[in-house]
Amino acid sequence: MSALTHEQWAEALREGDLLGVTCTDCGRTYATPFLVCDECKSRDLERTALPREGVVYSETTIQVPPRDFDGPYQVGMVEVDGAKVMARLEGGAAIGDRVVFDDVLEEGGDPAPVFRVEE
C-alpha cells in the first residue's frame, strides 16, 4: 500500500494542503506520490506535510496554450523542503524567487497547485 495515493494527494491539494512522501531510509522527500525512492530504491516511504512556501527552481511561459486555456501563462518547478513540485506560477516569478502556495487550478478533474510571488 502506498504511503500516499494520487487521490489522497489531489484531495489534500483541493483542501489547501501540500502533501508528499519522505523515504524513511535516506530522507529524500518527494512532493507527489511515489512508491519507490529514486535515491536509494527503498519502499519505506511515509506521508509528510510540505510547507506552503518555496523557491522557484525553474520556470517557463506558455505562449501558445492548449485548447480551453487562456494564455500566455507561467509554469515551473517549485522547491519546497527539498522536494520539487510542478505548479502554475503567478506574479511574474523568476528563478530564485520566494513563492507561496496560494490556490488550486483544476482542469478536467485534476488539480494543480498555484504559487504566487511573495510580497
Protein backbone atom coordinates (compact mmCIF):
# COMPACT_ATOMS: atom_id res chain seq x y z
CA MET A 1 0.00 0.00 0.00
CA SER A 2 1.29 3.43 -0.93
CA ALA A 3 2.02 5.96 1.80
CA LEU A 4 0.14 8.46 -0.37
CA THR A 5 -2.14 7.79 -3.32
CA HIS A 6 -2.80 10.23 -6.14
CA GLU A 7 -6.39 10.56 -4.95
CA GLN A 8 -5.28 11.46 -1.41
CA TRP A 9 -2.72 13.93 -2.77
CA ALA A 10 -5.33 15.57 -5.03
CA GLU A 11 -7.94 15.81 -2.26
CA ALA A 12 -5.42 17.37 0.14
CA LEU A 13 -4.45 19.87 -2.56
CA ARG A 14 -8.11 20.83 -3.04
CA GLU A 15 -8.31 21.41 0.72
CA GLY A 16 -5.26 23.70 0.62
CA ASP A 17 -2.61 21.26 1.87
CA LEU A 18 0.59 20.19 0.12
CA LEU A 19 1.46 16.58 0.83
CA GLY A 20 4.40 14.47 -0.22
CA VAL A 21 6.33 11.41 0.86
CA THR A 22 9.67 11.03 2.61
CA CYS A 23 11.92 7.98 2.42
CA THR A 24 12.49 6.66 5.92
CA ASP A 25 15.81 5.11 4.84
CA CYS A 26 17.63 8.02 3.15
CA GLY A 27 15.43 11.03 3.99
CA ARG A 28 14.70 12.12 0.39
CA THR A 29 11.37 13.95 0.08
CA TYR A 30 9.05 13.98 -2.94
CA ALA A 31 6.21 16.45 -3.49
CA THR A 32 3.96 13.89 -5.18
CA PRO A 33 3.05 10.23 -4.55
CA PHE A 34 5.91 7.77 -5.12
CA LEU A 35 6.08 4.03 -4.48
CA VAL A 36 9.87 3.66 -4.55
CA CYS A 37 12.57 6.14 -3.58
CA ASP A 38 14.57 7.19 -6.65
CA GLU A 39 17.62 7.81 -4.48
CA CYS A 40 18.02 4.53 -2.57
CA LYS A 41 15.28 2.31 -4.08
CA SER A 42 13.61 1.78 -0.70
CA ARG A 43 9.86 1.17 -0.49
CA ASP A 44 9.73 2.56 3.06
CA LEU A 45 8.05 5.89 2.39
CA GLU A 46 5.85 7.88 4.74
CA ARG A 47 3.37 10.66 4.12
CA THR A 48 4.61 14.12 5.01
CA ALA A 49 3.11 17.61 5.07
CA LEU A 50 5.06 20.11 2.99
CA PRO A 51 5.45 23.82 3.69
CA ARG A 52 3.38 26.35 1.74
CA GLU A 53 6.48 28.42 0.92
CA GLY A 54 9.11 27.54 -1.64
CA VAL A 55 11.63 28.82 -4.15
CA VAL A 56 11.24 28.81 -7.94
CA TYR A 57 13.69 26.20 -9.27
CA SER A 58 12.79 26.58 -12.96
CA GLU A 59 10.12 28.37 -14.95
CA THR A 60 8.80 28.91 -18.44
CA THR A 61 5.98 30.84 -20.07
CA ILE A 62 3.48 29.01 -22.25
CA GLN A 63 2.88 31.39 -25.15
CA VAL A 64 0.55 29.13 -27.17
CA PRO A 65 -1.76 27.44 -24.67
CA PRO A 66 -3.72 24.24 -25.21
CA ARG A 67 -7.39 24.47 -26.16
CA ASP A 68 -9.61 25.83 -23.35
CA PHE A 69 -6.69 27.56 -21.59
CA ASP A 70 -6.11 31.29 -21.56
CA GLY A 71 -2.58 32.32 -22.32
CA PRO A 72 0.11 33.20 -22.02
CA TYR A 73 0.72 31.72 -18.56
CA GLN A 74 3.69 30.69 -16.47
CA VAL A 75 4.55 27.25 -15.07
CA GLY A 76 7.56 25.97 -13.21
CA MET A 77 9.14 23.73 -10.64
CA VAL A 78 8.95 24.98 -7.08
CA GLU A 79 11.30 23.55 -4.46
CA VAL A 80 9.59 23.02 -1.10
CA ASP A 81 11.55 21.41 1.70
CA GLY A 82 13.96 19.80 -0.78
CA ALA A 83 11.15 18.37 -2.94
CA LYS A 84 10.12 19.78 -6.32
CA VAL A 85 6.52 20.27 -7.40
CA MET A 86 5.28 21.33 -10.84
CA ALA A 87 2.96 24.31 -10.47
CA ARG A 88 1.28 27.23 -12.13
CA LEU A 89 3.13 30.45 -11.24
CA GLU A 90 1.52 33.85 -10.73
CA GLY A 91 3.02 37.28 -10.28
CA GLY A 92 5.88 37.15 -12.78
CA ALA A 93 8.05 34.67 -10.86
CA ALA A 94 11.72 34.30 -11.76
CA ILE A 95 14.18 31.56 -10.82
CA GLY A 96 15.20 32.04 -7.20
CA ASP A 97 12.06 33.98 -6.22
CA ARG A 98 10.29 33.03 -3.00
CA VAL A 99 6.72 31.91 -3.68
CA VAL A 100 3.76 30.76 -1.59
CA PHE A 101 1.11 28.13 -2.33
CA ASP A 102 -1.91 30.33 -2.97
CA ASP A 103 -4.59 28.49 -4.96
CA VAL A 104 -5.53 25.36 -6.88
CA LEU A 105 -6.24 25.25 -10.60
CA GLU A 106 -8.48 22.38 -11.62
CA GLU A 107 -8.94 21.27 -15.20
CA GLY A 108 -10.67 18.04 -16.17
CA GLY A 109 -10.82 16.85 -12.56
CA ASP A 110 -7.07 17.11 -12.00
CA PRO A 111 -5.89 19.75 -9.51
CA ALA A 112 -2.63 21.64 -9.84
CA PRO A 113 -1.04 23.92 -7.25
CA VAL A 114 -0.72 27.63 -7.94
CA PHE A 115 2.17 29.52 -6.34
CA ARG A 116 2.33 33.32 -6.16
CA VAL A 117 5.40 35.52 -5.67
CA GLU A 118 5.70 36.56 -2.01
CA GLU A 119 5.34 40.26 -1.43
